[in-house]
N, C-alpha and C. Protein backbone atom coordinates (compact mmCIF):
# COMPACT_ATOMS: atom_id res chain seq x y z
N MET A 1 -11.33 -38.24 90.09
CA MET A 1 -12.62 -38.08 89.01
C MET A 1 -12.02 -38.39 87.98
N GLU A 2 -12.15 -39.08 87.33
CA GLU A 2 -11.85 -39.42 85.65
C GLU A 2 -12.21 -38.56 85.03
N GLU A 3 -11.12 -38.37 83.74
CA GLU A 3 -11.63 -37.04 82.78
C GLU A 3 -12.48 -37.68 81.64
N LEU A 4 -13.64 -37.01 80.99
CA LEU A 4 -14.30 -37.25 80.28
C LEU A 4 -14.37 -36.68 78.95
N VAL A 5 -14.75 -37.53 77.64
CA VAL A 5 -14.55 -36.09 76.47
C VAL A 5 -15.82 -36.59 75.95
N LEU A 6 -16.93 -35.81 75.24
CA LEU A 6 -18.07 -35.85 74.54
C LEU A 6 -18.19 -35.78 73.32
N ILE A 7 -18.02 -37.39 72.47
CA ILE A 7 -18.02 -37.40 71.62
C ILE A 7 -19.21 -37.36 70.25
N VAL A 8 -19.75 -36.57 69.24
CA VAL A 8 -20.76 -36.26 68.68
C VAL A 8 -20.02 -36.68 66.96
N ASP A 9 -21.85 -37.49 66.99
CA ASP A 9 -21.50 -37.32 65.61
C ASP A 9 -22.96 -37.07 64.86
N LEU A 10 -22.92 -36.36 64.30
CA LEU A 10 -24.34 -35.65 63.66
C LEU A 10 -24.60 -36.20 61.99
N GLU A 11 -26.12 -36.10 62.01
CA GLU A 11 -26.78 -36.36 60.55
C GLU A 11 -27.33 -35.65 60.52
N ALA A 12 -27.42 -35.17 59.07
CA ALA A 12 -28.34 -34.09 58.37
C ALA A 12 -29.02 -34.19 57.55
N THR A 13 -29.72 -33.37 56.95
CA THR A 13 -30.35 -33.52 55.65
C THR A 13 -29.61 -33.88 54.84
N CYS A 14 -29.46 -34.28 54.00
CA CYS A 14 -28.94 -34.41 52.18
C CYS A 14 -29.08 -34.86 51.30
N TRP A 15 -29.07 -34.40 49.96
CA TRP A 15 -29.48 -34.72 48.85
C TRP A 15 -28.12 -35.25 47.93
N ASP A 16 -28.46 -36.16 47.03
CA ASP A 16 -27.56 -36.52 45.92
C ASP A 16 -27.01 -36.10 44.77
N ASP A 17 -28.33 -35.16 44.97
CA ASP A 17 -28.00 -34.37 43.44
C ASP A 17 -28.51 -32.56 43.68
N HIS A 18 -29.58 -32.05 43.72
CA HIS A 18 -29.64 -30.76 43.47
C HIS A 18 -30.48 -30.26 44.66
N VAL A 19 -30.01 -29.24 45.78
CA VAL A 19 -31.12 -29.14 46.40
C VAL A 19 -32.33 -28.95 45.99
N PRO A 20 -33.22 -29.71 46.70
CA PRO A 20 -34.84 -28.87 45.96
C PRO A 20 -34.91 -27.46 46.45
N GLY A 21 -35.46 -26.93 45.40
CA GLY A 21 -35.67 -25.40 45.05
C GLY A 21 -34.77 -24.76 44.79
N LEU A 22 -33.62 -25.34 44.43
CA LEU A 22 -32.19 -24.68 44.35
C LEU A 22 -31.45 -25.26 42.66
N HIS A 23 -30.61 -25.04 42.21
CA HIS A 23 -30.03 -25.22 41.13
C HIS A 23 -28.71 -25.27 41.05
N ARG A 24 -28.36 -25.99 42.32
CA ARG A 24 -26.91 -26.56 42.75
C ARG A 24 -26.69 -27.37 44.03
N MET A 25 -25.42 -28.26 44.31
CA MET A 25 -25.03 -28.87 44.77
C MET A 25 -25.32 -28.23 46.40
N GLN A 26 -25.86 -29.56 47.66
CA GLN A 26 -25.47 -28.43 48.84
C GLN A 26 -24.54 -28.04 49.88
N THR A 27 -24.88 -27.04 50.71
CA THR A 27 -23.24 -26.77 51.65
C THR A 27 -24.40 -26.90 52.77
N VAL A 28 -22.94 -26.64 53.57
CA VAL A 28 -23.34 -26.89 54.87
C VAL A 28 -24.29 -25.92 55.52
N GLU A 29 -25.17 -25.11 54.76
CA GLU A 29 -25.66 -23.97 55.23
C GLU A 29 -27.16 -24.72 54.46
N ASP A 30 -27.45 -25.27 53.77
CA ASP A 30 -28.84 -26.20 53.18
C ASP A 30 -29.12 -26.76 54.03
N MET A 31 -27.82 -28.03 54.66
CA MET A 31 -28.20 -29.14 55.73
C MET A 31 -28.50 -28.20 57.05
N GLU A 32 -29.93 -29.30 57.50
CA GLU A 32 -30.17 -29.39 59.33
C GLU A 32 -29.89 -30.67 59.72
N VAL A 33 -29.48 -30.34 60.98
CA VAL A 33 -29.01 -31.34 62.24
C VAL A 33 -30.96 -32.10 61.89
N ILE A 34 -30.62 -33.95 61.80
CA ILE A 34 -31.31 -34.26 62.00
C ILE A 34 -31.46 -35.78 63.11
N GLU A 35 -30.01 -35.63 63.53
CA GLU A 35 -29.31 -36.57 64.64
C GLU A 35 -28.31 -36.42 65.43
N PHE A 36 -28.42 -36.38 66.30
CA PHE A 36 -27.28 -35.82 67.48
C PHE A 36 -26.56 -37.39 67.64
N GLY A 37 -25.97 -38.11 67.43
CA GLY A 37 -25.29 -39.10 68.55
C GLY A 37 -24.22 -38.76 69.79
N CYS A 38 -24.36 -38.93 71.10
CA CYS A 38 -23.45 -38.76 71.62
C CYS A 38 -23.23 -39.34 72.60
N VAL A 39 -21.90 -39.86 72.75
CA VAL A 39 -21.01 -40.56 73.33
C VAL A 39 -20.39 -39.57 74.95
N VAL A 40 -20.59 -40.35 75.74
CA VAL A 40 -19.49 -39.88 77.29
C VAL A 40 -18.99 -40.54 77.16
N ALA A 41 -17.23 -40.96 77.31
CA ALA A 41 -16.65 -41.93 77.27
C ALA A 41 -15.17 -40.89 78.18
N THR A 42 -14.59 -42.51 78.62
CA THR A 42 -13.27 -41.94 79.18
C THR A 42 -12.26 -41.36 78.18
N LEU A 43 -11.35 -41.06 78.38
CA LEU A 43 -10.03 -40.65 77.73
C LEU A 43 -9.51 -42.37 77.20
N GLN A 44 -9.82 -43.16 77.45
CA GLN A 44 -9.10 -44.50 77.34
C GLN A 44 -10.56 -45.19 76.88
N GLY A 45 -11.53 -44.48 76.23
CA GLY A 45 -12.53 -45.07 75.48
C GLY A 45 -13.61 -45.67 75.66
N GLU A 46 -13.37 -45.87 77.23
CA GLU A 46 -14.44 -46.62 78.11
C GLU A 46 -16.12 -45.77 78.44
N VAL A 47 -17.24 -46.56 77.54
CA VAL A 47 -18.28 -45.69 77.52
C VAL A 47 -18.96 -45.95 78.67
N ILE A 48 -19.52 -44.41 78.97
CA ILE A 48 -20.22 -43.91 80.36
C ILE A 48 -21.51 -44.06 79.97
N ASP A 49 -21.66 -43.23 78.52
CA ASP A 49 -23.28 -42.79 78.81
C ASP A 49 -23.71 -42.74 76.99
N SER A 50 -24.42 -43.08 76.26
CA SER A 50 -24.35 -42.53 74.96
C SER A 50 -26.21 -42.80 74.89
N ARG A 51 -26.28 -41.68 73.72
CA ARG A 51 -27.64 -41.37 73.88
C ARG A 51 -27.82 -40.43 72.21
N SER A 52 -29.02 -41.10 71.12
CA SER A 52 -29.25 -40.48 70.01
C SER A 52 -30.36 -39.33 70.25
N PHE A 53 -30.50 -38.57 69.95
CA PHE A 53 -31.29 -37.39 69.80
C PHE A 53 -31.91 -37.01 68.53
N LEU A 54 -32.66 -37.42 67.76
CA LEU A 54 -33.55 -36.86 66.30
C LEU A 54 -33.66 -35.37 66.53
N VAL A 55 -33.96 -35.10 65.61
CA VAL A 55 -34.58 -33.30 65.55
C VAL A 55 -35.16 -33.46 64.44
N ARG A 56 -36.06 -32.44 64.26
CA ARG A 56 -37.12 -32.48 63.03
C ARG A 56 -36.42 -31.18 62.34
N PRO A 57 -36.03 -31.33 61.17
CA PRO A 57 -35.75 -30.36 60.47
C PRO A 57 -36.89 -29.31 59.81
N LEU A 58 -36.69 -28.06 59.81
CA LEU A 58 -37.68 -27.26 59.88
C LEU A 58 -37.61 -26.41 58.63
N GLU A 59 -36.35 -26.33 57.88
CA GLU A 59 -36.33 -25.66 56.46
C GLU A 59 -36.86 -26.42 55.33
N ARG A 60 -36.13 -28.16 54.92
CA ARG A 60 -37.03 -28.70 54.92
C ARG A 60 -37.24 -30.08 55.22
N PRO A 61 -38.59 -29.98 55.41
CA PRO A 61 -38.76 -31.07 56.43
C PRO A 61 -38.44 -32.43 55.49
N THR A 62 -38.68 -32.46 54.46
CA THR A 62 -38.89 -33.85 53.76
C THR A 62 -37.87 -34.11 53.66
N LEU A 63 -36.92 -35.52 54.06
CA LEU A 63 -35.81 -36.26 53.69
C LEU A 63 -35.89 -36.62 52.54
N SER A 64 -34.83 -36.78 51.97
CA SER A 64 -34.59 -37.17 50.68
C SER A 64 -34.49 -38.89 51.01
N GLU A 65 -34.73 -39.17 49.69
CA GLU A 65 -35.14 -41.09 49.56
C GLU A 65 -33.49 -41.10 50.13
N PHE A 66 -32.36 -40.41 49.13
CA PHE A 66 -30.94 -40.23 49.90
C PHE A 66 -30.50 -40.51 51.07
N CYS A 67 -30.74 -39.52 51.78
CA CYS A 67 -30.79 -39.15 52.65
C CYS A 67 -31.31 -40.51 53.89
N THR A 68 -32.18 -40.74 53.20
CA THR A 68 -33.15 -42.03 54.44
C THR A 68 -32.02 -43.57 54.79
N SER A 69 -31.65 -43.62 52.91
CA SER A 69 -31.14 -44.27 52.26
C SER A 69 -29.41 -44.46 53.20
N LEU A 70 -29.15 -43.66 53.36
CA LEU A 70 -27.52 -43.26 53.98
C LEU A 70 -27.79 -43.42 55.49
N THR A 71 -28.43 -42.30 55.93
CA THR A 71 -28.77 -42.66 57.60
C THR A 71 -29.59 -43.74 58.04
N SER A 72 -30.13 -44.52 57.64
CA SER A 72 -31.67 -45.16 57.94
C SER A 72 -32.94 -44.43 58.76
N ILE A 73 -32.83 -43.00 58.69
CA ILE A 73 -33.48 -42.47 59.61
C ILE A 73 -35.11 -42.26 58.23
N THR A 74 -35.79 -42.12 59.34
CA THR A 74 -37.21 -42.06 58.15
C THR A 74 -37.66 -40.58 58.59
N GLN A 75 -38.66 -40.60 57.67
CA GLN A 75 -39.52 -39.31 57.53
C GLN A 75 -40.15 -39.15 58.93
N SER A 76 -40.65 -41.11 59.37
CA SER A 76 -41.52 -41.04 60.64
C SER A 76 -40.60 -40.69 61.79
N ASP A 77 -39.34 -40.98 61.48
CA ASP A 77 -38.63 -40.51 62.52
C ASP A 77 -38.62 -38.95 63.09
N VAL A 78 -38.53 -38.67 62.09
CA VAL A 78 -37.97 -36.76 62.13
C VAL A 78 -39.20 -35.62 62.17
N ASP A 79 -40.64 -36.41 61.88
CA ASP A 79 -41.58 -36.24 62.11
C ASP A 79 -42.05 -35.81 63.43
N GLN A 80 -41.87 -36.55 64.34
CA GLN A 80 -41.79 -37.55 65.88
C GLN A 80 -41.11 -36.85 66.34
N ALA A 81 -40.04 -36.07 66.00
CA ALA A 81 -39.00 -35.25 66.56
C ALA A 81 -39.32 -34.19 67.05
N ASP A 82 -38.58 -33.17 68.30
CA ASP A 82 -38.68 -32.09 68.52
C ASP A 82 -37.78 -30.95 67.51
N LEU A 83 -38.04 -30.01 68.00
CA LEU A 83 -37.55 -29.18 67.01
C LEU A 83 -35.61 -28.80 67.56
N TYR A 84 -35.17 -28.25 66.42
CA TYR A 84 -33.98 -28.35 67.18
C TYR A 84 -33.67 -27.44 69.20
N PRO A 85 -34.62 -26.27 68.78
CA PRO A 85 -33.99 -25.71 70.45
C PRO A 85 -34.64 -26.67 71.58
N GLN A 86 -35.66 -27.40 71.44
CA GLN A 86 -35.85 -28.21 72.17
C GLN A 86 -34.95 -29.55 72.40
N VAL A 87 -34.58 -29.80 71.41
CA VAL A 87 -33.55 -30.83 71.61
C VAL A 87 -32.12 -30.46 72.37
N ILE A 88 -31.99 -29.29 71.74
CA ILE A 88 -30.69 -28.80 72.86
C ILE A 88 -31.20 -28.76 74.25
N ALA A 89 -32.03 -28.11 74.49
CA ALA A 89 -32.56 -28.14 75.55
C ALA A 89 -32.49 -29.58 76.41
N ALA A 90 -32.95 -30.45 76.19
CA ALA A 90 -32.86 -31.78 76.26
C ALA A 90 -31.55 -32.39 76.55
N MET A 91 -31.17 -32.09 75.37
CA MET A 91 -29.46 -32.45 75.38
C MET A 91 -28.77 -31.72 76.46
N ASP A 92 -28.51 -30.55 76.89
CA ASP A 92 -27.96 -29.90 77.89
C ASP A 92 -28.43 -30.46 79.42
N HIS A 93 -29.50 -30.80 79.31
CA HIS A 93 -30.15 -31.69 80.41
C HIS A 93 -29.50 -32.50 81.04
N TRP A 94 -29.40 -33.32 79.71
CA TRP A 94 -28.93 -34.96 79.89
C TRP A 94 -27.45 -35.03 80.46
N LEU A 95 -26.84 -33.61 79.96
CA LEU A 95 -25.57 -33.62 80.05
C LEU A 95 -25.13 -32.61 80.87
N ALA A 96 -26.10 -32.61 81.91
CA ALA A 96 -26.08 -31.10 83.17
C ALA A 96 -25.00 -32.24 84.11
N ASN A 97 -25.02 -33.20 84.75
CA ASN A 97 -24.34 -33.90 85.58
C ASN A 97 -22.95 -34.09 85.14
N TYR A 98 -21.89 -34.15 83.76
CA TYR A 98 -20.72 -34.58 83.50
C TYR A 98 -19.88 -33.34 83.29
N SER A 99 -18.91 -33.26 83.63
CA SER A 99 -17.53 -32.65 83.27
C SER A 99 -17.09 -32.92 82.09
N PHE A 100 -16.81 -32.47 81.41
CA PHE A 100 -15.58 -32.42 80.26
C PHE A 100 -14.09 -31.90 79.80
N VAL A 101 -13.37 -32.60 79.57
CA VAL A 101 -11.80 -31.88 79.39
C VAL A 101 -12.11 -31.10 77.86
N CYS A 102 -13.08 -32.02 77.27
CA CYS A 102 -13.40 -31.05 75.51
C CYS A 102 -14.30 -31.96 74.94
N TRP A 103 -14.91 -31.36 73.71
CA TRP A 103 -15.73 -32.43 72.73
C TRP A 103 -14.91 -32.79 71.45
N GLY A 104 -15.48 -33.82 71.10
CA GLY A 104 -15.06 -33.87 69.66
C GLY A 104 -15.70 -34.79 68.63
N SER A 105 -15.20 -34.59 67.51
CA SER A 105 -15.80 -35.88 66.24
C SER A 105 -15.00 -35.84 65.33
N TRP A 106 -15.34 -36.62 64.49
CA TRP A 106 -14.35 -37.34 63.43
C TRP A 106 -14.61 -36.48 61.94
N GLY A 107 -13.43 -35.42 61.82
CA GLY A 107 -13.80 -34.29 61.66
C GLY A 107 -14.07 -33.13 61.62
N ASN A 108 -14.11 -32.24 60.74
CA ASN A 108 -14.62 -30.91 61.32
C ASN A 108 -16.44 -30.58 61.47
N TYR A 109 -17.06 -30.91 60.26
CA TYR A 109 -18.25 -31.27 59.76
C TYR A 109 -18.75 -30.98 60.77
N ASP A 110 -19.33 -31.44 62.03
CA ASP A 110 -19.63 -31.39 63.15
C ASP A 110 -20.01 -30.04 63.81
N ARG A 111 -18.31 -29.93 64.12
CA ARG A 111 -18.40 -28.23 64.61
C ARG A 111 -19.03 -27.18 63.69
N ASN A 112 -18.97 -27.24 62.42
CA ASN A 112 -19.57 -26.63 61.30
C ASN A 112 -20.59 -26.41 61.50
N GLN A 113 -21.59 -27.61 61.65
CA GLN A 113 -22.96 -27.35 61.21
C GLN A 113 -23.50 -27.21 62.70
N ILE A 114 -22.63 -27.58 63.59
CA ILE A 114 -23.53 -26.84 65.03
C ILE A 114 -22.90 -25.21 64.84
N THR A 115 -22.14 -24.75 64.41
CA THR A 115 -22.20 -23.26 64.08
C THR A 115 -23.24 -22.81 63.02
N VAL A 116 -23.73 -23.70 62.06
CA VAL A 116 -24.49 -23.08 61.11
C VAL A 116 -25.90 -22.99 61.81
N GLU A 117 -26.13 -24.22 63.06
CA GLU A 117 -27.92 -24.00 63.66
C GLU A 117 -28.09 -23.41 64.22
N GLN A 118 -26.46 -22.97 65.02
CA GLN A 118 -26.47 -21.75 66.29
C GLN A 118 -26.99 -20.30 65.50
N ASN A 119 -26.32 -19.90 64.31
CA ASN A 119 -26.87 -19.21 63.56
C ASN A 119 -28.36 -18.84 63.16
N ARG A 120 -28.58 -20.47 63.00
CA ARG A 120 -30.26 -20.24 62.28
C ARG A 120 -30.90 -20.15 63.27
N HIS A 121 -30.63 -20.76 64.62
CA HIS A 121 -31.68 -21.15 66.05
C HIS A 121 -31.37 -19.57 66.74
N GLN A 122 -30.44 -19.53 67.01
CA GLN A 122 -30.03 -19.24 68.03
C GLN A 122 -29.44 -19.21 69.34
N CYS A 123 -29.34 -20.40 68.99
CA CYS A 123 -28.38 -21.30 70.21
C CYS A 123 -27.89 -22.53 69.94
N ALA A 124 -27.14 -22.74 70.91
CA ALA A 124 -25.94 -24.10 70.59
C ALA A 124 -26.16 -24.73 72.23
N PRO A 125 -25.62 -25.91 71.76
CA PRO A 125 -25.32 -26.91 72.67
C PRO A 125 -24.66 -26.63 74.12
N LYS A 126 -25.02 -26.20 75.26
CA LYS A 126 -23.90 -26.20 76.08
C LYS A 126 -22.33 -26.55 75.62
N PHE A 127 -21.80 -27.77 75.34
CA PHE A 127 -20.85 -28.41 75.19
C PHE A 127 -20.03 -27.57 74.45
N PHE A 128 -20.67 -27.13 73.42
CA PHE A 128 -20.33 -25.84 72.04
C PHE A 128 -19.27 -25.06 72.83
N ALA A 129 -19.37 -24.53 73.72
CA ALA A 129 -18.49 -23.56 74.27
C ALA A 129 -17.35 -24.07 75.15
N LEU A 130 -17.03 -25.66 74.83
CA LEU A 130 -16.25 -26.32 75.14
C LEU A 130 -14.74 -26.34 74.11
N PRO A 131 -13.17 -26.69 74.44
CA PRO A 131 -12.30 -26.95 72.93
C PRO A 131 -13.00 -28.10 72.61
N HIS A 132 -12.68 -27.81 71.07
CA HIS A 132 -13.60 -28.89 70.27
C HIS A 132 -11.97 -29.68 69.71
N VAL A 133 -11.66 -30.86 69.68
CA VAL A 133 -10.57 -31.66 69.17
C VAL A 133 -11.29 -32.67 67.61
N ASN A 134 -10.12 -32.37 66.67
CA ASN A 134 -10.75 -33.33 65.58
C ASN A 134 -9.92 -34.12 65.68
N LEU A 135 -11.05 -35.43 65.73
CA LEU A 135 -10.75 -36.73 66.33
C LEU A 135 -9.63 -37.59 65.39
N LYS A 136 -10.87 -36.89 64.00
CA LYS A 136 -9.95 -37.75 62.95
C LYS A 136 -7.88 -37.57 62.36
N THR A 137 -7.79 -36.10 62.80
CA THR A 137 -6.47 -35.68 62.35
C THR A 137 -5.99 -36.46 63.53
N LEU A 138 -6.12 -36.28 65.44
CA LEU A 138 -5.49 -36.77 65.97
C LEU A 138 -4.81 -38.22 65.96
N TRP A 139 -5.74 -38.80 64.95
CA TRP A 139 -5.65 -40.11 65.20
C TRP A 139 -4.66 -40.39 64.08
N ARG A 140 -4.94 -39.96 63.16
CA ARG A 140 -3.23 -40.41 61.76
C ARG A 140 -2.24 -39.39 62.68
N LYS A 141 -2.48 -38.33 63.46
CA LYS A 141 -0.89 -37.92 63.99
C LYS A 141 -0.43 -39.47 64.89
N SER A 142 -1.54 -39.47 65.79
CA SER A 142 -1.21 -40.48 66.87
C SER A 142 -0.59 -41.14 66.37
N ASN A 143 -1.27 -42.19 65.32
CA ASN A 143 -0.34 -43.41 64.16
C ASN A 143 0.79 -43.56 63.49
N GLY A 144 0.93 -42.36 63.57
CA GLY A 144 1.97 -41.60 62.57
C GLY A 144 1.77 -41.88 61.12
N LEU A 145 0.64 -41.48 60.73
CA LEU A 145 0.46 -41.43 59.29
C LEU A 145 0.11 -40.06 58.54
N SER A 146 0.19 -40.46 57.51
CA SER A 146 0.16 -39.07 56.42
C SER A 146 -0.94 -38.64 56.43
N ARG A 147 -0.79 -37.31 55.92
CA ARG A 147 -2.70 -36.74 55.63
C ARG A 147 -3.19 -37.19 54.28
N LYS A 148 -2.04 -37.93 53.84
CA LYS A 148 -3.04 -38.48 52.90
C LYS A 148 -3.17 -39.98 52.94
N ALA A 149 -3.32 -40.22 54.10
CA ALA A 149 -3.45 -41.57 54.81
C ALA A 149 -5.08 -42.14 54.70
N LYS A 150 -5.34 -42.72 54.10
CA LYS A 150 -6.60 -43.55 54.21
C LYS A 150 -7.62 -42.85 55.79
N SER A 151 -8.70 -41.75 55.69
CA SER A 151 -8.41 -41.67 57.72
C SER A 151 -10.04 -41.41 57.76
N GLY A 152 -10.83 -42.18 56.68
CA GLY A 152 -12.31 -42.24 57.18
C GLY A 152 -12.49 -43.47 58.22
N LEU A 153 -13.51 -43.04 59.06
CA LEU A 153 -14.30 -43.70 60.52
C LEU A 153 -13.81 -45.26 60.20
N LEU A 154 -14.33 -46.07 59.03
CA LEU A 154 -14.33 -47.08 58.47
C LEU A 154 -12.63 -47.52 58.51
N HIS A 155 -12.08 -46.70 57.71
CA HIS A 155 -10.40 -47.07 57.61
C HIS A 155 -9.50 -47.12 59.39
N ALA A 156 -10.02 -46.56 59.62
CA ALA A 156 -9.24 -46.10 60.91
C ALA A 156 -9.42 -47.43 62.27
N LEU A 157 -10.90 -47.59 62.14
CA LEU A 157 -11.26 -48.95 63.01
C LEU A 157 -10.66 -50.28 61.64
N GLU A 158 -10.54 -50.17 60.07
CA GLU A 158 -10.22 -51.47 59.97
C GLU A 158 -8.36 -51.72 60.31
N TYR A 159 -7.81 -50.61 60.33
CA TYR A 159 -6.27 -50.06 61.27
C TYR A 159 -6.22 -50.68 62.18
N HIS A 160 -7.04 -50.67 62.91
CA HIS A 160 -6.90 -51.39 65.02
C HIS A 160 -7.80 -52.78 64.76
N GLN A 161 -7.96 -53.65 63.30
CA GLN A 161 -9.01 -54.47 63.06
C GLN A 161 -10.01 -54.88 63.59
N PHE A 162 -10.64 -53.53 63.78
CA PHE A 162 -12.29 -54.15 64.51
C PHE A 162 -13.10 -53.88 62.92
N LYS A 163 -14.23 -54.06 63.27
CA LYS A 163 -15.52 -54.22 62.42
C LYS A 163 -16.32 -53.26 62.45
N PHE A 164 -16.90 -52.78 61.78
CA PHE A 164 -17.33 -51.47 62.01
C PHE A 164 -18.86 -52.04 62.82
N ALA A 165 -19.20 -51.44 64.02
CA ALA A 165 -20.76 -52.17 64.84
C ALA A 165 -22.11 -51.09 64.69
N GLY A 166 -23.15 -52.06 63.99
CA GLY A 166 -24.05 -50.88 64.06
C GLY A 166 -24.34 -50.45 62.90
N ALA A 167 -24.99 -49.73 62.29
CA ALA A 167 -24.95 -48.99 61.17
C ALA A 167 -24.22 -47.50 60.86
N HIS A 168 -23.37 -47.81 59.71
CA HIS A 168 -22.51 -46.58 59.34
C HIS A 168 -23.84 -45.54 59.00
N HIS A 169 -23.26 -44.11 58.96
CA HIS A 169 -24.00 -43.20 59.12
C HIS A 169 -25.44 -42.80 59.85
N ARG A 170 -25.23 -43.71 60.87
CA ARG A 170 -26.35 -43.16 61.67
C ARG A 170 -25.38 -42.84 63.04
N GLY A 171 -25.83 -41.72 63.54
CA GLY A 171 -24.72 -41.01 64.74
C GLY A 171 -24.59 -41.33 65.50
N ILE A 172 -25.54 -41.97 66.76
CA ILE A 172 -25.21 -42.67 67.35
C ILE A 172 -24.05 -43.33 67.55
N ASP A 173 -24.21 -44.70 66.34
CA ASP A 173 -23.49 -45.57 65.93
C ASP A 173 -22.00 -45.46 66.09
N ASP A 174 -22.06 -44.19 64.50
CA ASP A 174 -20.54 -43.71 64.63
C ASP A 174 -20.08 -43.17 65.80
N ALA A 175 -20.77 -42.28 66.59
CA ALA A 175 -19.94 -42.32 67.83
C ALA A 175 -19.96 -43.30 68.76
N LEU A 176 -20.64 -43.97 69.09
CA LEU A 176 -19.85 -45.41 69.62
C LEU A 176 -18.68 -46.30 69.00
N ASN A 177 -18.73 -45.94 67.93
CA ASN A 177 -17.52 -46.73 67.00
C ASN A 177 -16.22 -45.43 66.92
N VAL A 178 -16.45 -44.27 66.86
CA VAL A 178 -15.05 -43.34 67.58
C VAL A 178 -15.00 -43.84 68.84
N ALA A 179 -15.68 -43.84 70.10
CA ALA A 179 -14.85 -44.08 71.12
C ALA A 179 -14.42 -45.68 70.96
N ARG A 180 -14.31 -46.29 69.86
CA ARG A 180 -13.68 -47.62 69.89
C ARG A 180 -12.00 -46.85 70.03
N LEU A 181 -11.84 -45.76 69.16
CA LEU A 181 -10.87 -45.28 69.04
C LEU A 181 -9.85 -44.45 69.38
N LEU A 182 -10.37 -44.19 70.56
CA LEU A 182 -9.78 -42.89 71.74
C LEU A 182 -8.65 -43.56 72.25
N PRO A 183 -8.47 -45.45 72.62
CA PRO A 183 -7.44 -45.50 73.33
C PRO A 183 -6.19 -45.48 72.26
N PHE A 184 -5.99 -45.04 70.66
CA PHE A 184 -5.48 -45.39 70.01
C PHE A 184 -5.06 -43.29 69.64
N ILE A 185 -5.70 -42.74 70.53
CA ILE A 185 -5.97 -41.00 70.13
C ILE A 185 -5.04 -40.48 71.07
N ASP A 186 -3.95 -39.61 71.00
CA ASP A 186 -3.13 -39.15 71.69
C ASP A 186 -4.06 -37.47 71.68
N LEU A 187 -5.09 -37.10 73.01
CA LEU A 187 -5.64 -35.94 72.83
C LEU A 187 -4.40 -34.92 72.82
N GLN A 188 -3.34 -35.01 72.87
CA GLN A 188 -2.39 -33.84 73.48
C GLN A 188 -1.77 -33.62 72.16
N ALA A 189 -1.89 -34.54 70.84
CA ALA A 189 -1.12 -34.50 69.96
C ALA A 189 -1.22 -33.62 69.01
N SER A 190 -2.24 -33.08 69.61
CA SER A 190 -2.61 -31.25 68.17
C SER A 190 -1.63 -30.21 68.10
């Protein structure tokens, strides 16, 4: 049986200025997940399955214009979505037939945001118990690049002469593009 990795890319509520009702810039604790982009892939980057799960934010349910512009996720999209605990149950059900060696994200933000959501909702997706890999760091190491090298997702794709497919800062599209980079990532490089 082929080894699989789950790639997760989150989108969350965000503001380009101060958080509504607060006189400071946002922190991860202020943000709420509005999309789980999930890709089931082989270690060689073959996509086996993929799905986007939209989430209705609870604490600040109105998306900022900045957030909609950045993610292309609309107020109508999140208004029709389930709340976080229901989305977690649906995601767990969808992933129940897969066995993963790990889950990964492009950086640590996604892992940190899920930790915040776990504290907020007292639940987390089952995959969260698996080892997490920072695919951005492993990509840099696997390609002999320094920590100072540009390693955003767009730069990594460009490094391999790929063009971004889909809408950047849309969870499902970001996750699918990360999967394209798996052949260039040694998961043992950590």
